[in-house]
Amino acid sequence: MPDRRALIPIVAGIVLVVLCMWRVAANKPQDYADQVAAAVMARPAPIFEALDANNTLVRLVTFLGRHQIIILFFDGETGADQDPELLRLRERFPELKAHNVKVIAVTNAIPQLNRAAMDRVGSFPFPLVSDFDPLSPAGILKIHTQWGRVTESGKVRPGVFLIDRRGQVTVTPDGPRPFGSVDEAVDAAIK
């Protein structure tokens, strides 16, 4: 009768070969495109400067590195007095001020239209900047374009972003990633 101890390495070898063959057959090539698309990372926020409703130049770099900043893009065609997210941001502003969070609202409306809206609903405690350059047609919607807030048809898209104290904004491969609502951005800023 052969020695049974000699069978142990043979059986172990067969088991290893079977396991390896099963692993190779079960291992399907992975497509990492979805994981890359879902990857979220932080990048420096696109900087801008523009005139507010009082024709005062507002520069984003003034706040970078010292404060968290909420940037709200809204459609000026409906008016500052009709935009629910802008009005909600104004309601929650005291919470942001208590946490030293700065706020800038960006619109495609000209400063005169923003002033007219403020005459109807009262002033805003943060600047409403107009995304246009009266001296250069190429400057129209420049800020919206930098932040990925322009559709292919040239319409503006609303969105709210949070810039951290390091001047970083969350991005995806498509550009800066907006929060779902003003409340989400405010909650993230004051946590």
Protein backbone atom coordinates (compact mmCIF):
# COMPACT_ATOMS: atom_id res chain seq x y z
CA MET A 1 0.00 0.00 0.00
CA PRO A 2 1.47 3.36 -1.01
CA ASP A 3 2.24 5.97 1.59
CA ARG A 4 -0.77 8.28 2.04
CA ARG A 5 1.43 11.20 2.98
CA ALA A 6 2.67 11.33 -0.61
CA LEU A 7 -0.91 11.97 -1.79
CA ILE A 8 -1.28 15.17 0.25
CA PRO A 9 0.92 17.35 -2.03
CA ILE A 10 -0.75 15.87 -5.12
CA VAL A 11 -4.27 16.58 -3.81
CA ALA A 12 -3.21 20.06 -2.67
CA GLY A 13 -1.77 20.73 -6.12
CA ILE A 14 -4.97 19.61 -7.83
CA VAL A 15 -7.06 21.82 -5.50
CA LEU A 16 -4.80 24.81 -6.23
CA VAL A 17 -5.04 24.23 -9.99
CA VAL A 18 -8.85 23.99 -9.81
CA LEU A 19 -9.07 27.16 -7.69
CA CYS A 20 -6.80 29.06 -10.07
CA MET A 21 -8.80 27.93 -13.11
CA TRP A 22 -12.06 28.95 -11.38
CA ARG A 23 -10.63 32.37 -10.43
CA VAL A 24 -9.39 33.05 -13.97
CA ALA A 25 -12.75 32.00 -15.47
CA ALA A 26 -14.77 34.05 -12.95
CA ASN A 27 -12.58 37.13 -13.22
CA LYS A 28 -14.20 39.35 -15.83
CA PRO A 29 -12.41 42.40 -17.15
CA GLN A 30 -13.49 45.44 -15.20
CA ASP A 31 -14.65 48.65 -16.77
CA TYR A 32 -13.33 51.48 -14.64
CA ALA A 33 -15.06 54.21 -16.66
CA ASP A 34 -18.01 54.36 -14.25
CA GLN A 35 -15.68 54.57 -11.28
CA VAL A 36 -13.66 57.34 -12.90
CA ALA A 37 -16.83 59.25 -13.80
CA ALA A 38 -18.07 58.95 -10.23
CA ALA A 39 -14.72 59.94 -8.78
CA VAL A 40 -14.91 63.14 -6.86
CA MET A 41 -11.92 65.23 -5.99
CA ALA A 42 -11.10 68.79 -5.04
CA ARG A 43 -9.52 71.33 -7.34
CA PRO A 44 -8.89 75.07 -7.08
CA ALA A 45 -12.09 77.00 -7.64
CA PRO A 46 -12.35 78.90 -10.93
CA ILE A 47 -11.82 82.53 -10.01
CA PHE A 48 -13.79 85.46 -11.33
CA GLU A 49 -14.58 89.11 -10.86
CA ALA A 50 -17.77 90.89 -11.82
CA LEU A 51 -19.96 93.86 -11.01
CA ASP A 52 -22.67 93.53 -8.39
CA ALA A 53 -26.08 95.27 -8.34
CA ASN A 54 -24.42 98.46 -7.05
CA ASN A 55 -21.80 98.40 -9.83
CA THR A 56 -19.10 97.46 -7.31
CA LEU A 57 -16.44 95.05 -8.49
CA VAL A 58 -16.59 91.75 -6.57
CA ARG A 59 -13.46 89.56 -6.74
CA LEU A 60 -13.63 85.95 -5.63
CA VAL A 61 -9.92 85.96 -4.77
CA THR A 62 -10.67 88.45 -1.99
CA PHE A 63 -12.28 85.64 0.03
CA LEU A 64 -10.24 82.63 -1.08
CA GLY A 65 -7.99 81.08 1.52
CA ARG A 66 -9.72 82.81 4.44
CA HIS A 67 -13.37 81.81 4.28
CA GLN A 68 -15.70 79.13 3.08
CA ILE A 69 -17.71 80.53 0.19
CA ILE A 70 -21.08 79.57 -1.21
CA ILE A 71 -21.55 80.44 -4.88
CA LEU A 72 -25.14 80.36 -6.15
CA PHE A 73 -25.86 80.54 -9.87
CA PHE A 74 -29.42 81.58 -10.71
CA ASP A 75 -31.29 82.48 -13.88
CA GLY A 76 -31.75 86.22 -14.07
CA GLU A 77 -34.55 85.95 -16.62
CA THR A 78 -36.96 85.02 -13.84
CA GLY A 79 -35.55 87.78 -11.63
CA ALA A 80 -33.82 87.75 -8.28
CA ASP A 81 -37.16 88.28 -6.57
CA GLN A 82 -38.62 85.11 -8.14
CA ASP A 83 -35.80 82.60 -7.71
CA PRO A 84 -36.70 80.22 -4.84
CA GLU A 85 -33.12 79.07 -4.20
CA LEU A 86 -31.85 82.65 -4.00
CA LEU A 87 -34.65 83.59 -1.61
CA ARG A 88 -33.92 80.48 0.49
CA LEU A 89 -30.24 81.44 0.63
CA ARG A 90 -31.24 84.88 1.90
CA GLU A 91 -33.35 83.23 4.63
CA ARG A 92 -30.44 81.04 5.76
CA PHE A 93 -27.83 83.79 5.52
CA PRO A 94 -27.81 84.53 9.29
CA GLU A 95 -26.61 80.95 9.92
CA LEU A 96 -23.85 81.39 7.35
CA LYS A 97 -22.83 84.75 8.77
CA ALA A 98 -22.55 83.20 12.25
CA HIS A 99 -20.05 80.71 10.79
CA ASN A 100 -18.21 83.39 8.77
CA VAL A 101 -19.23 81.85 5.43
CA LYS A 102 -19.24 84.29 2.53
CA VAL A 103 -21.92 84.19 -0.16
CA ILE A 104 -21.91 85.36 -3.77
CA ALA A 105 -24.85 84.96 -6.14
CA VAL A 106 -24.10 84.97 -9.87
CA THR A 107 -26.69 85.78 -12.51
CA ASN A 108 -26.97 86.51 -16.19
CA ALA A 109 -29.10 89.59 -15.43
CA ILE A 110 -27.62 93.06 -15.67
CA PRO A 111 -27.13 95.10 -12.45
CA GLN A 112 -30.15 97.30 -13.19
CA LEU A 113 -32.47 94.27 -13.21
CA ASN A 114 -31.00 93.06 -9.92
CA ARG A 115 -31.59 96.50 -8.38
CA ALA A 116 -35.18 96.48 -9.64
CA ALA A 117 -35.74 93.05 -8.05
CA MET A 118 -34.30 94.32 -4.77
CA ASP A 119 -36.71 97.27 -4.90
CA ARG A 120 -39.55 94.72 -4.96
CA VAL A 121 -38.35 92.28 -2.26
CA GLY A 122 -35.71 94.15 -0.30
CA SER A 123 -31.95 94.01 -0.44
CA PHE A 124 -29.81 90.92 -0.23
CA PRO A 125 -27.09 90.65 2.44
CA PHE A 126 -24.63 89.34 -0.13
CA PRO A 127 -23.61 90.52 -3.60
CA LEU A 128 -25.61 89.64 -6.71
CA VAL A 129 -22.99 89.75 -9.45
CA SER A 130 -23.80 90.02 -13.13
CA ASP A 131 -22.04 87.67 -15.51
CA PHE A 132 -21.49 89.92 -18.47
CA ASP A 133 -18.84 92.19 -19.84
CA PRO A 134 -20.32 95.22 -21.62
CA LEU A 135 -17.04 95.85 -23.42
CA SER A 136 -16.54 92.35 -24.80
CA PRO A 137 -19.10 89.99 -26.34
CA ALA A 138 -16.72 87.13 -25.49
CA GLY A 139 -17.17 87.98 -21.81
CA ILE A 140 -20.87 87.14 -21.75
CA LEU A 141 -21.53 84.17 -19.43
CA LYS A 142 -17.81 83.73 -18.85
CA ILE A 143 -18.30 82.84 -15.17
CA HIS A 144 -21.16 80.46 -15.95
CA THR A 145 -18.99 78.75 -18.56
CA GLN A 146 -16.03 78.38 -16.15
CA TRP A 147 -18.30 76.72 -13.62
CA GLY A 148 -20.14 74.50 -16.15
CA ARG A 149 -23.44 76.34 -15.80
CA VAL A 150 -24.23 76.83 -19.51
CA THR A 151 -26.14 74.27 -21.56
CA GLU A 152 -25.21 73.41 -25.13
CA SER A 153 -28.06 75.65 -26.31
CA GLY A 154 -26.58 78.60 -24.40
CA LYS A 155 -29.09 78.66 -21.52
CA VAL A 156 -27.86 79.13 -17.96
CA ARG A 157 -28.27 76.37 -15.41
CA PRO A 158 -28.77 77.05 -11.72
CA GLY A 159 -26.41 75.52 -9.22
CA VAL A 160 -24.91 76.02 -5.78
CA PHE A 161 -21.28 75.32 -4.89
CA LEU A 162 -19.21 75.36 -1.72
CA ILE A 163 -15.58 76.48 -1.79
CA ASP A 164 -13.58 75.39 1.24
CA ARG A 165 -11.08 77.53 3.16
CA ARG A 166 -8.25 76.22 0.99
CA GLY A 167 -9.96 77.60 -2.11
CA GLN A 168 -10.93 74.13 -3.32
CA VAL A 169 -14.22 73.06 -4.85
CA THR A 170 -15.47 69.52 -5.37
CA VAL A 171 -15.16 68.49 -9.02
CA THR A 172 -16.02 65.58 -11.26
CA PRO A 173 -14.53 64.95 -14.72
CA ASP A 174 -17.23 67.31 -16.08
CA GLY A 175 -16.19 70.23 -13.87
CA PRO A 176 -17.27 71.66 -10.51
CA ARG A 177 -19.99 69.56 -8.89
CA PRO A 178 -23.02 71.46 -7.58
CA PHE A 179 -24.99 70.57 -4.49
CA GLY A 180 -28.59 69.46 -4.94
CA SER A 181 -29.99 72.50 -3.14
CA VAL A 182 -29.11 75.58 -1.14
CA ASP A 183 -30.02 73.75 2.06
CA GLU A 184 -27.50 70.98 1.32
CA ALA A 185 -24.73 73.50 0.67
CA VAL A 186 -25.55 75.53 3.78
CA ASP A 187 -25.65 72.41 5.94
CA ALA A 188 -22.26 71.31 4.55
CA ALA A 189 -20.80 74.76 5.22
CA ILE A 190 -21.93 75.04 8.84
CA LYS A 191 -21.34 71.46 9.94
